[in-house]
Amino acid sequence: MSDDNLTPPPPPPPAAPAASPYVAPPAGPSKVLSLIGMIAGIVGVVISLFGGFGFIFSIAAVVLGFLGKSKEGIPAKPFWLTALITGFVGIGISLIWLIVYIIIFATAAASVSSYNNY
């Protein structure tokens, strides 16, 4: 036997890298619409309490709340539910302020016109 037929075996393949202990959580649906709606609803209620002009924020909260409900679903429920509740409350408070302003201006206009008769 000759030593020419005995070639050394090929080197073993490199070992696989060790598994990382951190596993990224699965990406869930976005909660951006519901979160923005919740913020708009809270801002709308606060502004409505102090003068009634938070109507625009409250409308935005209701719209974003319904969009969040349909697109983001159950994982974002606390956010879109808060957006809907605060949005409707803000609209209600704004409507109450509107009625108060109409009564004040109607009373002021009636009192001014009654002074013109003298």
PDB file of N, CA and C in Angstrom:
ATOM      1  N   MET A   1       0.813  -1.164   0.000  1.00  0.00           N
ATOM      2  CA  MET A   1       0.000   0.000   0.000  1.00  0.00           C
ATOM      3  C   MET A   1       0.862   1.234   0.000  1.00  0.00           C
ATOM      4  N   SER A   2       0.352   2.132  -0.768  1.00  0.00           N
ATOM      5  CA  SER A   2       1.115   3.366  -0.799  1.00  0.00           C
ATOM      6  C   SER A   2       0.387   4.430   0.004  1.00  0.00           C
ATOM      7  N   ASP A   3       1.135   5.377   0.444  1.00  0.00           N
ATOM      8  CA  ASP A   3       0.571   6.462   1.260  1.00  0.00           C
ATOM      9  C   ASP A   3      -0.130   7.513   0.408  1.00  0.00           C
ATOM     10  N   ASP A   4      -0.042   7.404  -0.923  1.00  0.00           N
ATOM     11  CA  ASP A   4      -0.671   8.403  -1.792  1.00  0.00           C
ATOM     12  C   ASP A   4      -2.200   8.301  -1.758  1.00  0.00           C
ATOM     13  N   ASN A   5      -2.756   7.121  -1.531  1.00  0.00           N
ATOM     14  CA  ASN A   5      -4.214   6.957  -1.521  1.00  0.00           C
ATOM     15  C   ASN A   5      -4.835   7.431  -0.212  1.00  0.00           C
ATOM     16  N   LEU A   6      -4.073   7.632   0.761  1.00  0.00           N
ATOM     17  CA  LEU A   6      -4.594   8.064   2.053  1.00  0.00           C
ATOM     18  C   LEU A   6      -4.509   9.577   2.166  1.00  0.00           C
ATOM     19  N   THR A   7      -5.527  10.236   1.709  1.00  0.00           N
ATOM     20  CA  THR A   7      -5.570  11.696   1.841  1.00  0.00           C
ATOM     21  C   THR A   7      -6.310  12.025   3.134  1.00  0.00           C
ATOM     22  N   PRO A   8      -5.938  13.107   3.733  1.00  0.00           N
ATOM     23  CA  PRO A   8      -6.612  13.442   4.999  1.00  0.00           C
ATOM     24  C   PRO A   8      -8.075  13.810   4.722  1.00  0.00           C
ATOM     25  N   PRO A   9      -8.933  13.520   5.654  1.00  0.00           N
ATOM     26  CA  PRO A   9     -10.354  13.853   5.456  1.00  0.00           C
ATOM     27  C   PRO A   9     -10.534  15.373   5.439  1.00  0.00           C
ATOM     28  N   PRO A  10     -11.577  15.872   4.755  1.00  0.00           N
ATOM     29  CA  PRO A  10     -11.794  17.326   4.723  1.00  0.00           C
ATOM     30  C   PRO A  10     -12.142  17.828   6.117  1.00  0.00           C
ATOM     31  N   PRO A  11     -11.856  19.082   6.363  1.00  0.00           N
ATOM     32  CA  PRO A  11     -12.157  19.610   7.703  1.00  0.00           C
ATOM     33  C   PRO A  11     -13.673  19.646   7.922  1.00  0.00           C
ATOM     34  N   PRO A  12     -14.103  19.544   9.162  1.00  0.00           N
ATOM     35  CA  PRO A  12     -15.556  19.568   9.435  1.00  0.00           C
ATOM     36  C   PRO A  12     -16.128  20.960   9.138  1.00  0.00           C
ATOM     37  N   PRO A  13     -17.408  21.044   8.800  1.00  0.00           N
ATOM     38  CA  PRO A  13     -18.004  22.354   8.527  1.00  0.00           C
ATOM     39  C   PRO A  13     -18.027  23.205   9.800  1.00  0.00           C
ATOM     40  N   PRO A  14     -18.022  24.508   9.640  1.00  0.00           N
ATOM     41  CA  PRO A  14     -18.035  25.370  10.840  1.00  0.00           C
ATOM     42  C   PRO A  14     -19.316  25.157  11.632  1.00  0.00           C
ATOM     43  N   ALA A  15     -19.185  25.342  12.906  1.00  0.00           N
ATOM     44  CA  ALA A  15     -20.329  25.151  13.801  1.00  0.00           C
ATOM     45  C   ALA A  15     -21.349  26.265  13.575  1.00  0.00           C
ATOM     46  N   ALA A  16     -22.601  25.949  13.771  1.00  0.00           N
ATOM     47  CA  ALA A  16     -23.665  26.948  13.628  1.00  0.00           C
ATOM     48  C   ALA A  16     -23.550  27.961  14.761  1.00  0.00           C
ATOM     49  N   PRO A  17     -23.858  29.217  14.494  1.00  0.00           N
ATOM     50  CA  PRO A  17     -23.772  30.210  15.562  1.00  0.00           C
ATOM     51  C   PRO A  17     -24.778  29.889  16.665  1.00  0.00           C
ATOM     52  N   ALA A  18     -24.441  30.271  17.848  1.00  0.00           N
ATOM     53  CA  ALA A  18     -25.310  30.018  18.994  1.00  0.00           C
ATOM     54  C   ALA A  18     -26.594  30.832  18.850  1.00  0.00           C
ATOM     55  N   ALA A  19     -27.690  30.268  19.283  1.00  0.00           N
ATOM     56  CA  ALA A  19     -28.982  30.960  19.192  1.00  0.00           C
ATOM     57  C   ALA A  19     -29.002  32.142  20.150  1.00  0.00           C
ATOM     58  N   SER A  20     -29.582  33.239  19.690  1.00  0.00           N
ATOM     59  CA  SER A  20     -29.691  34.434  20.517  1.00  0.00           C
ATOM     60  C   SER A  20     -30.799  34.238  21.548  1.00  0.00           C
ATOM     61  N   PRO A  21     -30.603  34.664  22.775  1.00  0.00           N
ATOM     62  CA  PRO A  21     -31.661  34.491  23.779  1.00  0.00           C
ATOM     63  C   PRO A  21     -32.833  35.451  23.537  1.00  0.00           C
ATOM     64  N   TYR A  22     -32.626  36.535  22.774  1.00  0.00           N
ATOM     65  CA  TYR A  22     -33.692  37.505  22.524  1.00  0.00           C
ATOM     66  C   TYR A  22     -34.470  37.112  21.279  1.00  0.00           C
ATOM     67  N   VAL A  23     -35.755  37.039  21.410  1.00  0.00           N
ATOM     68  CA  VAL A  23     -36.620  36.765  20.275  1.00  0.00           C
ATOM     69  C   VAL A  23     -37.546  37.957  20.123  1.00  0.00           C
ATOM     70  N   ALA A  24     -37.556  38.556  18.965  1.00  0.00           N
ATOM     71  CA  ALA A  24     -38.402  39.731  18.733  1.00  0.00           C
ATOM     72  C   ALA A  24     -39.865  39.329  18.791  1.00  0.00           C
ATOM     73  N   PRO A  25     -40.692  40.163  19.432  1.00  0.00           N
ATOM     74  CA  PRO A  25     -42.115  39.832  19.478  1.00  0.00           C
ATOM     75  C   PRO A  25     -42.731  39.959  18.089  1.00  0.00           C
ATOM     76  N   PRO A  26     -43.767  39.207  17.836  1.00  0.00           N
ATOM     77  CA  PRO A  26     -44.392  39.307  16.513  1.00  0.00           C
ATOM     78  C   PRO A  26     -45.030  40.684  16.335  1.00  0.00           C
ATOM     79  N   ALA A  27     -44.912  41.198  15.151  1.00  0.00           N
ATOM     80  CA  ALA A  27     -45.459  42.522  14.880  1.00  0.00           C
ATOM     81  C   ALA A  27     -46.976  42.434  14.819  1.00  0.00           C
ATOM     82  N   GLY A  28     -47.621  43.245  15.640  1.00  0.00           N
ATOM     83  CA  GLY A  28     -49.075  43.273  15.663  1.00  0.00           C
ATOM     84  C   GLY A  28     -49.583  44.421  14.819  1.00  0.00           C
ATOM     85  N   PRO A  29     -50.885  44.570  14.772  1.00  0.00           N
ATOM     86  CA  PRO A  29     -51.435  45.679  14.001  1.00  0.00           C
ATOM     87  C   PRO A  29     -51.088  47.011  14.650  1.00  0.00           C
ATOM     88  N   SER A  30     -51.001  48.025  13.840  1.00  0.00           N
ATOM     89  CA  SER A  30     -50.669  49.353  14.316  1.00  0.00           C
ATOM     90  C   SER A  30     -51.816  49.919  15.137  1.00  0.00           C
ATOM     91  N   LYS A  31     -51.491  50.746  16.126  1.00  0.00           N
ATOM     92  CA  LYS A  31     -52.500  51.380  16.968  1.00  0.00           C
ATOM     93  C   LYS A  31     -52.469  52.895  16.816  1.00  0.00           C
ATOM     94  N   VAL A  32     -51.911  53.375  15.721  1.00  0.00           N
ATOM     95  CA  VAL A  32     -51.686  54.814  15.547  1.00  0.00           C
ATOM     96  C   VAL A  32     -53.000  55.581  15.435  1.00  0.00           C
ATOM     97  N   LEU A  33     -53.933  55.106  14.621  1.00  0.00           N
ATOM     98  CA  LEU A  33     -55.199  55.822  14.450  1.00  0.00           C
ATOM     99  C   LEU A  33     -55.947  55.941  15.771  1.00  0.00           C
ATOM    100  N   SER A  34     -56.011  54.849  16.500  1.00  0.00           N
ATOM    101  CA  SER A  34     -56.728  54.857  17.769  1.00  0.00           C
ATOM    102  C   SER A  34     -56.042  55.748  18.794  1.00  0.00           C
ATOM    103  N   LEU A  35     -54.730  55.727  18.806  1.00  0.00           N
ATOM    104  CA  LEU A  35     -53.987  56.546  19.763  1.00  0.00           C
ATOM    105  C   LEU A  35     -54.166  58.032  19.466  1.00  0.00           C
ATOM    106  N   ILE A  36     -54.083  58.416  18.194  1.00  0.00           N
ATOM    107  CA  ILE A  36     -54.296  59.817  17.832  1.00  0.00           C
ATOM    108  C   ILE A  36     -55.735  60.222  18.134  1.00  0.00           C
ATOM    109  N   GLY A  37     -56.681  59.331  17.882  1.00  0.00           N
ATOM    110  CA  GLY A  37     -58.071  59.605  18.200  1.00  0.00           C
ATOM    111  C   GLY A  37     -58.300  59.806  19.679  1.00  0.00           C
ATOM    112  N   MET A  38     -57.641  58.986  20.500  1.00  0.00           N
ATOM    113  CA  MET A  38     -57.773  59.135  21.948  1.00  0.00           C
ATOM    114  C   MET A  38     -57.224  60.482  22.405  1.00  0.00           C
ATOM    115  N   ILE A  39     -56.078  60.865  21.890  1.00  0.00           N
ATOM    116  CA  ILE A  39     -55.479  62.153  22.263  1.00  0.00           C
ATOM    117  C   ILE A  39     -56.386  63.301  21.818  1.00  0.00           C
ATOM    118  N   ALA A  40     -56.904  63.216  20.595  1.00  0.00           N
ATOM    119  CA  ALA A  40     -57.800  64.267  20.097  1.00  0.00           C
ATOM    120  C   ALA A  40     -59.066  64.342  20.942  1.00  0.00           C
ATOM    121  N   GLY A  41     -59.586  63.211  21.374  1.00  0.00           N
ATOM    122  CA  GLY A  41     -60.780  63.205  22.211  1.00  0.00           C
ATOM    123  C   GLY A  41     -60.546  63.847  23.565  1.00  0.00           C
ATOM    124  N   ILE A  42     -59.422  63.547  24.168  1.00  0.00           N
ATOM    125  CA  ILE A  42     -59.104  64.146  25.474  1.00  0.00           C
ATOM    126  C   ILE A  42     -58.923  65.648  25.327  1.00  0.00           C
ATOM    127  N   VAL A  43     -58.206  66.067  24.290  1.00  0.00           N
ATOM    128  CA  VAL A  43     -58.011  67.506  24.045  1.00  0.00           C
ATOM    129  C   VAL A  43     -59.362  68.170  23.765  1.00  0.00           C
ATOM    130  N   GLY A  44     -60.219  67.517  23.001  1.00  0.00           N
ATOM    131  CA  GLY A  44     -61.535  68.069  22.690  1.00  0.00           C
ATOM    132  C   GLY A  44     -62.393  68.260  23.927  1.00  0.00           C
ATOM    133  N   VAL A  45     -62.381  67.290  24.842  1.00  0.00           N
ATOM    134  CA  VAL A  45     -63.165  67.415  26.070  1.00  0.00           C
ATOM    135  C   VAL A  45     -62.627  68.557  26.936  1.00  0.00           C
ATOM    136  N   VAL A  46     -61.318  68.628  27.073  1.00  0.00           N
ATOM    137  CA  VAL A  46     -60.730  69.671  27.919  1.00  0.00           C
ATOM    138  C   VAL A  46     -61.037  71.060  27.357  1.00  0.00           C
ATOM    139  N   ILE A  47     -60.868  71.232  26.048  1.00  0.00           N
ATOM    140  CA  ILE A  47     -61.154  72.535  25.446  1.00  0.00           C
ATOM    141  C   ILE A  47     -62.655  72.839  25.517  1.00  0.00           C
ATOM    142  N   SER A  48     -63.489  71.839  25.328  1.00  0.00           N
ATOM    143  CA  SER A  48     -64.937  72.049  25.386  1.00  0.00           C
ATOM    144  C   SER A  48     -65.394  72.463  26.781  1.00  0.00           C
ATOM    145  N   LEU A  49     -64.756  71.956  27.795  1.00  0.00           N
ATOM    146  CA  LEU A  49     -65.130  72.327  29.160  1.00  0.00           C
ATOM    147  C   LEU A  49     -64.895  73.807  29.431  1.00  0.00           C
ATOM    148  N   PHE A  50     -63.901  74.383  28.783  1.00  0.00           N
ATOM    149  CA  PHE A  50     -63.537  75.767  29.061  1.00  0.00           C
ATOM    150  C   PHE A  50     -63.962  76.719  27.952  1.00  0.00           C
ATOM    151  N   GLY A  51     -65.093  76.502  27.336  1.00  0.00           N
ATOM    152  CA  GLY A  51     -65.565  77.465  26.366  1.00  0.00           C
ATOM    153  C   GLY A  51     -66.265  76.880  25.173  1.00  0.00           C
ATOM    154  N   GLY A  52     -66.183  75.600  24.973  1.00  0.00           N
ATOM    155  CA  GLY A  52     -66.968  74.964  23.941  1.00  0.00           C
ATOM    156  C   GLY A  52     -66.383  74.933  22.555  1.00  0.00           C
ATOM    157  N   PHE A  53     -65.129  75.254  22.365  1.00  0.00           N
ATOM    158  CA  PHE A  53     -64.567  75.271  21.014  1.00  0.00           C
ATOM    159  C   PHE A  53     -63.733  74.025  20.705  1.00  0.00           C
ATOM    160  N   GLY A  54     -63.923  72.959  21.442  1.00  0.00           N
ATOM    161  CA  GLY A  54     -63.209  71.715  21.177  1.00  0.00           C
ATOM    162  C   GLY A  54     -63.961  70.807  20.229  1.00  0.00           C
ATOM    163  N   PHE A  55     -64.965  71.358  19.555  1.00  0.00           N
ATOM    164  CA  PHE A  55     -65.814  70.586  18.652  1.00  0.00           C
ATOM    165  C   PHE A  55     -65.010  69.907  17.554  1.00  0.00           C
ATOM    166  N   ILE A  56     -64.053  70.591  16.979  1.00  0.00           N
ATOM    167  CA  ILE A  56     -63.256  70.041  15.874  1.00  0.00           C
ATOM    168  C   ILE A  56     -62.447  68.833  16.348  1.00  0.00           C
ATOM    169  N   PHE A  57     -61.818  68.955  17.516  1.00  0.00           N
ATOM    170  CA  PHE A  57     -61.035  67.833  18.049  1.00  0.00           C
ATOM    171  C   PHE A  57     -61.950  66.645  18.357  1.00  0.00           C
ATOM    172  N   SER A  58     -63.143  66.933  18.862  1.00  0.00           N
ATOM    173  CA  SER A  58     -64.073  65.860  19.204  1.00  0.00           C
ATOM    174  C   SER A  58     -64.570  65.133  17.962  1.00  0.00           C
ATOM    175  N   ILE A  59     -64.844  65.871  16.897  1.00  0.00           N
ATOM    176  CA  ILE A  59     -65.249  65.233  15.635  1.00  0.00           C
ATOM    177  C   ILE A  59     -64.113  64.351  15.112  1.00  0.00           C
ATOM    178  N   ALA A  60     -62.890  64.873  15.175  1.00  0.00           N
ATOM    179  CA  ALA A  60     -61.733  64.082  14.727  1.00  0.00           C
ATOM    180  C   ALA A  60     -61.584  62.813  15.567  1.00  0.00           C
ATOM    181  N   ALA A  61     -61.832  62.916  16.869  1.00  0.00           N
ATOM    182  CA  ALA A  61     -61.723  61.747  17.743  1.00  0.00           C
ATOM    183  C   ALA A  61     -62.747  60.683  17.371  1.00  0.00           C
ATOM    184  N   VAL A  62     -63.978  61.103  17.063  1.00  0.00           N
ATOM    185  CA  VAL A  62     -65.009  60.136  16.686  1.00  0.00           C
ATOM    186  C   VAL A  62     -64.646  59.453  15.365  1.00  0.00           C
ATOM    187  N   VAL A  63     -64.213  60.233  14.401  1.00  0.00           N
ATOM    188  CA  VAL A  63     -63.843  59.661  13.098  1.00  0.00           C
ATOM    189  C   VAL A  63     -62.666  58.689  13.252  1.00  0.00           C
ATOM    190  N   LEU A  64     -61.628  59.114  13.967  1.00  0.00           N
ATOM    191  CA  LEU A  64     -60.463  58.242  14.152  1.00  0.00           C
ATOM    192  C   LEU A  64     -60.799  57.030  15.021  1.00  0.00           C
ATOM    193  N   GLY A  65     -61.718  57.194  15.956  1.00  0.00           N
ATOM    194  CA  GLY A  65     -62.142  56.057  16.772  1.00  0.00           C
ATOM    195  C   GLY A  65     -62.826  54.987  15.938  1.00  0.00           C
ATOM    196  N   PHE A  66     -63.722  55.416  15.041  1.00  0.00           N
ATOM    197  CA  PHE A  66     -64.386  54.439  14.178  1.00  0.00           C
ATOM    198  C   PHE A  66     -63.412  53.820  13.173  1.00  0.00           C
ATOM    199  N   LEU A  67     -62.476  54.616  12.652  1.00  0.00           N
ATOM    200  CA  LEU A  67     -61.464  54.050  11.752  1.00  0.00           C
ATOM    201  C   LEU A  67     -60.575  53.054  12.489  1.00  0.00           C
ATOM    202  N   GLY A  68     -60.187  53.399  13.710  1.00  0.00           N
ATOM    203  CA  GLY A  68     -59.367  52.485  14.503  1.00  0.00           C
ATOM    204  C   GLY A  68     -60.102  51.195  14.817  1.00  0.00           C
ATOM    205  N   LYS A  69     -61.396  51.316  15.089  1.00  0.00           N
ATOM    206  CA  LYS A  69     -62.193  50.117  15.382  1.00  0.00           C
ATOM    207  C   LYS A  69     -62.238  49.185  14.184  1.00  0.00           C
ATOM    208  N   SER A  70     -62.406  49.751  12.996  1.00  0.00           N
ATOM    209  CA  SER A  70     -62.528  48.900  11.819  1.00  0.00           C
ATOM    210  C   SER A  70     -61.181  48.373  11.314  1.00  0.00           C
ATOM    211  N   LYS A  71     -60.118  49.156  11.448  1.00  0.00           N
ATOM    212  CA  LYS A  71     -58.824  48.744  10.882  1.00  0.00           C
ATOM    213  C   LYS A  71     -57.886  48.085  11.885  1.00  0.00           C
ATOM    214  N   GLU A  72     -57.951  48.494  13.145  1.00  0.00           N
ATOM    215  CA  GLU A  72     -56.978  47.999  14.123  1.00  0.00           C
ATOM    216  C   GLU A  72     -57.541  46.919  15.035  1.00  0.00           C
ATOM    217  N   GLY A  73     -58.833  46.882  15.204  1.00  0.00           N
ATOM    218  CA  GLY A  73     -59.479  45.779  15.894  1.00  0.00           C
ATOM    219  C   GLY A  73     -59.283  45.721  17.398  1.00  0.00           C
ATOM    220  N   ILE A  74     -59.347  44.503  17.903  1.00  0.00           N
ATOM    221  CA  ILE A  74     -59.349  44.240  19.340  1.00  0.00           C
ATOM    222  C   ILE A  74     -58.067  44.684  20.049  1.00  0.00           C
ATOM    223  N   PRO A  75     -56.866  44.515  19.471  1.00  0.00           N
ATOM    224  CA  PRO A  75     -55.673  44.927  20.230  1.00  0.00           C
ATOM    225  C   PRO A  75     -55.656  46.414  20.583  1.00  0.00           C
ATOM    226  N   ALA A  76     -56.331  47.235  19.799  1.00  0.00           N
ATOM    227  CA  ALA A  76     -56.343  48.677  20.062  1.00  0.00           C
ATOM    228  C   ALA A  76     -57.637  49.129  20.710  1.00  0.00           C
ATOM    229  N   LYS A  77     -58.421  48.203  21.236  1.00  0.00           N
ATOM    230  CA  LYS A  77     -59.744  48.542  21.775  1.00  0.00           C
ATOM    231  C   LYS A  77     -59.708  49.615  22.854  1.00  0.00           C
ATOM    232  N   PRO A  78     -58.808  49.591  23.816  1.00  0.00           N
ATOM    233  CA  PRO A  78     -58.835  50.661  24.826  1.00  0.00           C
ATOM    234  C   PRO A  78     -58.651  52.053  24.223  1.00  0.00           C
ATOM    235  N   PHE A  79     -57.854  52.148  23.161  1.00  0.00           N
ATOM    236  CA  PHE A  79     -57.589  53.445  22.556  1.00  0.00           C
ATOM    237  C   PHE A  79     -58.788  53.941  21.745  1.00  0.00           C
ATOM    238  N   TRP A  80     -59.334  53.089  20.863  1.00  0.00           N
ATOM    239  CA  TRP A  80     -60.447  53.568  20.039  1.00  0.00           C
ATOM    240  C   TRP A  80     -61.710  53.732  20.847  1.00  0.00           C
ATOM    241  N   LEU A  81     -61.889  52.945  21.901  1.00  0.00           N
ATOM    242  CA  LEU A  81     -63.057  53.114  22.753  1.00  0.00           C
ATOM    243  C   LEU A  81     -62.979  54.439  23.519  1.00  0.00           C
ATOM    244  N   THR A  82     -61.803  54.771  24.004  1.00  0.00           N
ATOM    245  CA  THR A  82     -61.611  56.063  24.669  1.00  0.00           C
ATOM    246  C   THR A  82     -61.811  57.207  23.692  1.00  0.00           C
ATOM    247  N   ALA A  83     -61.345  57.038  22.458  1.00  0.00           N
ATOM    248  CA  ALA A  83     -61.534  58.071  21.441  1.00  0.00           C
ATOM    249  C   ALA A  83     -63.017  58.295  21.174  1.00  0.00           C
ATOM    250  N   LEU A  84     -63.788  57.225  21.064  1.00  0.00           N
ATOM    251  CA  LEU A  84     -65.217  57.365  20.805  1.00  0.00           C
ATOM    252  C   LEU A  84     -65.946  58.019  21.979  1.00  0.00           C
ATOM    253  N   ILE A  85     -65.655  57.561  23.184  1.00  0.00           N
ATOM    254  CA  ILE A  85     -66.347  58.102  24.356  1.00  0.00           C
ATOM    255  C   ILE A  85     -66.010  59.573  24.553  1.00  0.00           C
ATOM    256  N   THR A  86     -64.729  59.910  24.549  1.00  0.00           N
ATOM    257  CA  THR A  86     -64.358  61.314  24.763  1.00  0.00           C
ATOM    258  C   THR A  86     -64.795  62.193  23.598  1.00  0.00           C
ATOM    259  N   GLY A  87     -64.821  61.642  22.392  1.00  0.00           N
ATOM    260  CA  GLY A  87     -65.287  62.408  21.238  1.00  0.00           C
ATOM    261  C   GLY A  87     -66.749  62.776  21.368  1.00  0.00           C
ATOM    262  N   PHE A  88     -67.592  61.799  21.716  1.00  0.00           N
ATOM    263  CA  PHE A  88     -69.018  62.095  21.862  1.00  0.00           C
ATOM    264  C   PHE A  88     -69.294  62.998  23.061  1.00  0.00           C
ATOM    265  N   VAL A  89     -68.547  62.822  24.146  1.00  0.00           N
ATOM    266  CA  VAL A  89     -68.707  63.711  25.303  1.00  0.00           C
ATOM    267  C   VAL A  89     -68.310  65.136  24.925  1.00  0.00           C
ATOM    268  N   GLY A  90     -67.215  65.295  24.207  1.00  0.00           N
ATOM    269  CA  GLY A  90     -66.784  66.631  23.768  1.00  0.00           C
ATOM    270  C   GLY A  90     -67.802  67.286  22.850  1.00  0.00           C
ATOM    271  N   ILE A  91     -68.404  66.502  21.950  1.00  0.00           N
ATOM    272  CA  ILE A  91     -69.445  67.047  21.075  1.00  0.00           C
ATOM    273  C   ILE A  91     -70.645  67.494  21.904  1.00  0.00           C
ATOM    274  N   GLY A  92     -71.028  66.688  22.882  1.00  0.00           N
ATOM    275  CA  GLY A  92     -72.152  67.046  23.746  1.00  0.00           C
ATOM    276  C   GLY A  92     -71.901  68.320  24.528  1.00  0.00           C
ATOM    277  N   ILE A  93     -70.728  68.444  25.097  1.00  0.00           N
ATOM    278  CA  ILE A  93     -70.391  69.657  25.853  1.00  0.00           C
ATOM    279  C   ILE A  93     -70.360  70.864  24.930  1.00  0.00           C
ATOM    280  N   SER A  94     -69.826  70.696  23.724  1.00  0.00           N
ATOM    281  CA  SER A  94     -69.797  71.808  22.761  1.00  0.00           C
ATOM    282  C   SER A  94     -71.203  72.249  22.376  1.00  0.00           C
ATOM    283  N   LEU A  95     -72.104  71.291  22.209  1.00  0.00           N
ATOM    284  CA  LEU A  95     -73.486  71.640  21.883  1.00  0.00           C
ATOM    285  C   LEU A  95     -74.166  72.381  23.039  1.00  0.00           C
ATOM    286  N   ILE A  96     -73.874  71.978  24.258  1.00  0.00           N
ATOM    287  CA  ILE A  96     -74.417  72.696  25.420  1.00  0.00           C
ATOM    288  C   ILE A  96     -73.915  74.133  25.428  1.00  0.00           C
ATOM    289  N   TRP A  97     -72.627  74.339  25.170  1.00  0.00           N
ATOM    290  CA  TRP A  97     -72.078  75.697  25.108  1.00  0.00           C
ATOM    291  C   TRP A  97     -72.715  76.491  23.979  1.00  0.00           C
ATOM    292  N   LEU A  98     -72.972  75.831  22.847  1.00  0.00           N
ATOM    293  CA  LEU A  98     -73.614  76.519  21.731  1.00  0.00           C
ATOM    294  C   LEU A  98     -75.002  77.024  22.123  1.00  0.00           C
ATOM    295  N   ILE A  99     -75.754  76.195  22.819  1.00  0.00           N
ATOM    296  CA  ILE A  99     -77.082  76.607  23.285  1.00  0.00           C
ATOM    297  C   ILE A  99     -76.970  77.774  24.263  1.00  0.00           C
ATOM    298  N   VAL A 100     -76.008  77.714  25.171  1.00  0.00           N
ATOM    299  CA  VAL A 100     -75.802  78.811  26.125  1.00  0.00           C
ATOM    300  C   VAL A 100     -75.452  80.091  25.389  1.00  0.00           C
ATOM    301  N   TYR A 101     -74.563  80.030  24.400  1.00  0.00           N
ATOM    302  CA  TYR A 101     -74.189  81.225  23.642  1.00  0.00           C
ATOM    303  C   TYR A 101     -75.381  81.791  22.865  1.00  0.00           C
ATOM    304  N   ILE A 102     -76.204  80.919  22.287  1.00  0.00           N
ATOM    305  CA  ILE A 102     -77.378  81.394  21.554  1.00  0.00           C
ATOM    306  C   ILE A 102     -78.347  82.109  22.502  1.00  0.00           C
ATOM    307  N   ILE A 103     -78.550  81.544  23.674  1.00  0.00           N
ATOM    308  CA  ILE A 103     -79.439  82.183  24.654  1.00  0.00           C
ATOM    309  C   ILE A 103     -78.884  83.535  25.091  1.00  0.00           C
ATOM    310  N   ILE A 104     -77.574  83.596  25.346  1.00  0.00           N
ATOM    311  CA  ILE A 104     -76.960  84.862  25.769  1.00  0.00           C
ATOM    312  C   ILE A 104     -77.091  85.912  24.676  1.00  0.00           C
ATOM    313  N   PHE A 105     -76.775  85.559  23.438  1.00  0.00           N
ATOM    314  CA  PHE A 105     -76.843  86.539  22.351  1.00  0.00           C
ATOM    315  C   PHE A 105     -78.282  86.921  22.026  1.00  0.00           C
ATOM    316  N   ALA A 106     -79.212  85.969  22.111  1.00  0.00           N
ATOM    317  CA  ALA A 106     -80.620  86.299  21.858  1.00  0.00           C
ATOM    318  C   ALA A 106     -81.157  87.229  22.940  1.00  0.00           C
ATOM    319  N   THR A 107     -80.774  86.987  24.177  1.00  0.00           N
ATOM    320  CA  THR A 107     -81.194  87.858  25.273  1.00  0.00           C
ATOM    321  C   THR A 107     -80.585  89.245  25.118  1.00  0.00           C
ATOM    322  N   ALA A 108     -79.317  89.301  24.754  1.00  0.00           N
ATOM    323  CA  ALA A 108     -78.664  90.599  24.554  1.00  0.00           C
ATOM    324  C   ALA A 108     -79.287  91.354  23.391  1.00  0.00           C
ATOM    325  N   ALA A 109     -79.600  90.661  22.321  1.00  0.00           N
ATOM    326  CA  ALA A 109     -80.215  91.316  21.163  1.00  0.00           C
ATOM    327  C   ALA A 109     -81.618  91.805  21.498  1.00  0.00           C
ATOM    328  N   ALA A 110     -82.366  91.033  22.267  1.00  0.00           N
ATOM    329  CA  ALA A 110     -83.717  91.450  22.651  1.00  0.00           C
ATOM    330  C   ALA A 110     -83.671  92.650  23.582  1.00  0.00           C
ATOM    331  N   SER A 111     -82.703  92.684  24.484  1.00  0.00           N
ATOM    332  CA  SER A 111     -82.626  93.822  25.403  1.00  0.00           C
ATOM    333  C   SER A 111     -82.174  95.086  24.688  1.00  0.00           C
ATOM    334  N   VAL A 112     -81.330  94.961  23.683  1.00  0.00           N
ATOM    335  CA  VAL A 112     -80.894  96.128  22.920  1.00  0.00           C
ATOM    336  C   VAL A 112     -82.058  96.672  22.103  1.00  0.00           C
ATOM    337  N   SER A 113     -82.842  95.790  21.494  1.00  0.00           N
ATOM    338  CA  SER A 113     -83.961  96.261  20.679  1.00  0.00           C
ATOM    339  C   SER A 113     -85.062  96.860  21.544  1.00  0.00           C
ATOM    340  N   SER A 114     -85.187  96.402  22.794  1.00  0.00           N
ATOM    341  CA  SER A 114     -86.223  96.978  23.663  1.00  0.00           C
ATOM    342  C   SER A 114     -85.840  98.387  24.122  1.00  0.00           C
ATOM    343  N   TYR A 115     -84.544  98.692  24.201  1.00  0.00           N
ATOM    344  CA  TYR A 115     -84.128 100.033  24.572  1.00  0.00           C
ATOM    345  C   TYR A 115     -84.378 101.043  23.444  1.00  0.00           C
ATOM    346  N   ASN A 116     -84.451 100.565  22.229  1.00  0.00           N
ATOM    347  CA  ASN A 116     -84.689 101.472  21.089  1.00  0.00           C
ATOM    348  C   ASN A 116     -86.122 102.001  21.071  1.00  0.00           C
ATOM    349  N   ASN A 117     -87.034 101.403  21.802  1.00  0.00           N
ATOM    350  CA  ASN A 117     -88.418 101.858  21.839  1.00  0.00           C
ATOM    351  C   ASN A 117     -88.610 103.089  22.718  1.00  0.00           C
ATOM    352  N   TYR A 118     -87.682 103.419  23.546  1.00  0.00           N
ATOM    353  CA  TYR A 118     -87.833 104.577  24.458  1.00  0.00           C
ATOM    354  C   TYR A 118     -87.362 105.836  23.831  1.00  0.00           C
TER     355      TYR A 118
END
